[in-house]
Amino acid sequence: MTVTEKNIISTFKTFLRSYSLSSRETIYKKVGKSKKTNSKIKEEDFFKTFGSFSDNKSAEEIISNLKNQRNFKTKEITF
């Protein structure tokens, strides 16, 4: 278990303590049920979240729009 995972679990435990006993039992049951189902995301489903979007504009128009929308700060930062 990674340090991040340990921190998440610790925070979740602290969060659960603020709920009533009946609420915590309901949460535990739901977590137990979700654990029994195969919740792993298939690799192909993961890669479906990436990709192109449909637009009638050409690539050059999209690039031009992106470049024109850039906002650079000209304020000097002093330390």
C-alpha atoms as a PDB file:
ATOM      1  CA  MET A   1       0.000   0.000   0.000  1.00  0.00           C
ATOM      2  CA  THR A   2       1.338   3.388  -0.975  1.00  0.00           C
ATOM      3  CA  VAL A   3       1.674   6.362   1.346  1.00  0.00           C
ATOM      4  CA  THR A   4      -1.081   8.126  -0.592  1.00  0.00           C
ATOM      5  CA  GLU A   5      -3.444   5.197  -0.133  1.00  0.00           C
ATOM      6  CA  LYS A   6      -2.690   5.124   3.595  1.00  0.00           C
ATOM      7  CA  ASN A   7      -3.454   8.838   3.862  1.00  0.00           C
ATOM      8  CA  ILE A   8      -6.731   8.398   1.978  1.00  0.00           C
ATOM      9  CA  ILE A   9      -7.779   5.577   4.305  1.00  0.00           C
ATOM     10  CA  SER A  10      -6.840   7.581   7.374  1.00  0.00           C
ATOM     11  CA  THR A  11      -8.811  10.589   6.152  1.00  0.00           C
ATOM     12  CA  PHE A  12     -11.786   8.392   5.283  1.00  0.00           C
ATOM     13  CA  LYS A  13     -11.757   6.843   8.760  1.00  0.00           C
ATOM     14  CA  THR A  14     -11.772  10.304  10.333  1.00  0.00           C
ATOM     15  CA  PHE A  15     -14.588  11.318   8.019  1.00  0.00           C
ATOM     16  CA  LEU A  16     -16.660   8.244   8.961  1.00  0.00           C
ATOM     17  CA  ARG A  17     -16.386   8.999  12.672  1.00  0.00           C
ATOM     18  CA  SER A  18     -18.562  12.063  12.152  1.00  0.00           C
ATOM     19  CA  TYR A  19     -21.524   9.907  11.061  1.00  0.00           C
ATOM     20  CA  SER A  20     -24.001   8.051  13.243  1.00  0.00           C
ATOM     21  CA  LEU A  21     -23.597   4.318  13.783  1.00  0.00           C
ATOM     22  CA  SER A  22     -26.497   3.457  11.469  1.00  0.00           C
ATOM     23  CA  SER A  23     -25.077   5.650   8.708  1.00  0.00           C
ATOM     24  CA  ARG A  24     -21.660   4.038   9.069  1.00  0.00           C
ATOM     25  CA  GLU A  25     -23.226   0.559   8.880  1.00  0.00           C
ATOM     26  CA  THR A  26     -25.012   1.529   5.662  1.00  0.00           C
ATOM     27  CA  ILE A  27     -21.755   2.814   4.177  1.00  0.00           C
ATOM     28  CA  TYR A  28     -19.926  -0.378   5.204  1.00  0.00           C
ATOM     29  CA  LYS A  29     -22.603  -2.523   3.547  1.00  0.00           C
ATOM     30  CA  LYS A  30     -22.409  -0.539   0.320  1.00  0.00           C
ATOM     31  CA  VAL A  31     -18.624  -0.707   0.295  1.00  0.00           C
ATOM     32  CA  GLY A  32     -18.801  -4.446   0.941  1.00  0.00           C
ATOM     33  CA  LYS A  33     -21.195  -4.936  -1.982  1.00  0.00           C
ATOM     34  CA  SER A  34     -19.083  -2.846  -4.328  1.00  0.00           C
ATOM     35  CA  LYS A  35     -16.009  -4.834  -3.308  1.00  0.00           C
ATOM     36  CA  LYS A  36     -17.695  -8.047  -4.448  1.00  0.00           C
ATOM     37  CA  THR A  37     -18.376  -6.722  -7.929  1.00  0.00           C
ATOM     38  CA  ASN A  38     -15.595  -6.431 -10.454  1.00  0.00           C
ATOM     39  CA  SER A  39     -14.906  -2.732 -10.255  1.00  0.00           C
ATOM     40  CA  LYS A  40     -11.656  -2.792 -12.188  1.00  0.00           C
ATOM     41  CA  ILE A  41     -11.803  -0.660 -15.262  1.00  0.00           C
ATOM     42  CA  LYS A  42     -10.922  -2.626 -18.330  1.00  0.00           C
ATOM     43  CA  GLU A  43      -7.990  -1.276 -20.241  1.00  0.00           C
ATOM     44  CA  GLU A  44     -10.073  -0.716 -23.366  1.00  0.00           C
ATOM     45  CA  ASP A  45     -12.651   1.279 -21.376  1.00  0.00           C
ATOM     46  CA  PHE A  46      -9.832   3.390 -19.982  1.00  0.00           C
ATOM     47  CA  PHE A  47      -8.518   4.227 -23.445  1.00  0.00           C
ATOM     48  CA  LYS A  48     -12.023   5.093 -24.665  1.00  0.00           C
ATOM     49  CA  THR A  49     -11.872   8.141 -22.428  1.00  0.00           C
ATOM     50  CA  PHE A  50      -9.148   9.586 -24.645  1.00  0.00           C
ATOM     51  CA  GLY A  51      -9.356  10.601 -28.244  1.00  0.00           C
ATOM     52  CA  SER A  52     -10.645  13.137 -30.633  1.00  0.00           C
ATOM     53  CA  PHE A  53     -13.731  15.280 -30.583  1.00  0.00           C
ATOM     54  CA  SER A  54     -15.858  16.136 -33.561  1.00  0.00           C
ATOM     55  CA  ASP A  55     -15.766  19.680 -34.876  1.00  0.00           C
ATOM     56  CA  ASN A  56     -16.359  21.219 -38.277  1.00  0.00           C
ATOM     57  CA  LYS A  57     -13.293  23.428 -37.970  1.00  0.00           C
ATOM     58  CA  SER A  58     -10.013  22.492 -39.568  1.00  0.00           C
ATOM     59  CA  ALA A  59      -6.986  21.701 -37.448  1.00  0.00           C
ATOM     60  CA  GLU A  60      -5.447  25.021 -38.445  1.00  0.00           C
ATOM     61  CA  GLU A  61      -8.534  26.933 -37.273  1.00  0.00           C
ATOM     62  CA  ILE A  62      -8.557  25.120 -33.934  1.00  0.00           C
ATOM     63  CA  ILE A  63      -4.857  25.814 -33.406  1.00  0.00           C
ATOM     64  CA  SER A  64      -5.331  29.469 -34.337  1.00  0.00           C
ATOM     65  CA  ASN A  65      -8.240  29.815 -31.888  1.00  0.00           C
ATOM     66  CA  LEU A  66      -6.212  28.241 -29.089  1.00  0.00           C
ATOM     67  CA  LYS A  67      -3.252  30.506 -29.726  1.00  0.00           C
ATOM     68  CA  ASN A  68      -5.462  33.607 -29.862  1.00  0.00           C
ATOM     69  CA  GLN A  69      -7.093  32.716 -26.527  1.00  0.00           C
ATOM     70  CA  ARG A  70      -3.792  32.565 -24.641  1.00  0.00           C
ATOM     71  CA  ASN A  71      -3.421  35.102 -21.872  1.00  0.00           C
ATOM     72  CA  PHE A  72       0.085  35.843 -20.745  1.00  0.00           C
ATOM     73  CA  LYS A  73       0.758  37.908 -17.658  1.00  0.00           C
ATOM     74  CA  THR A  74       3.159  40.766 -18.147  1.00  0.00           C
ATOM     75  CA  LYS A  75       3.349  41.735 -14.492  1.00  0.00           C
ATOM     76  CA  GLU A  76       6.822  41.546 -12.988  1.00  0.00           C
ATOM     77  CA  ILE A  77       7.200  39.337  -9.965  1.00  0.00           C
ATOM     78  CA  THR A  78       9.491  40.674  -7.291  1.00  0.00           C
ATOM     79  CA  PHE A  79      10.920  38.697  -4.434  1.00  0.00           C
END
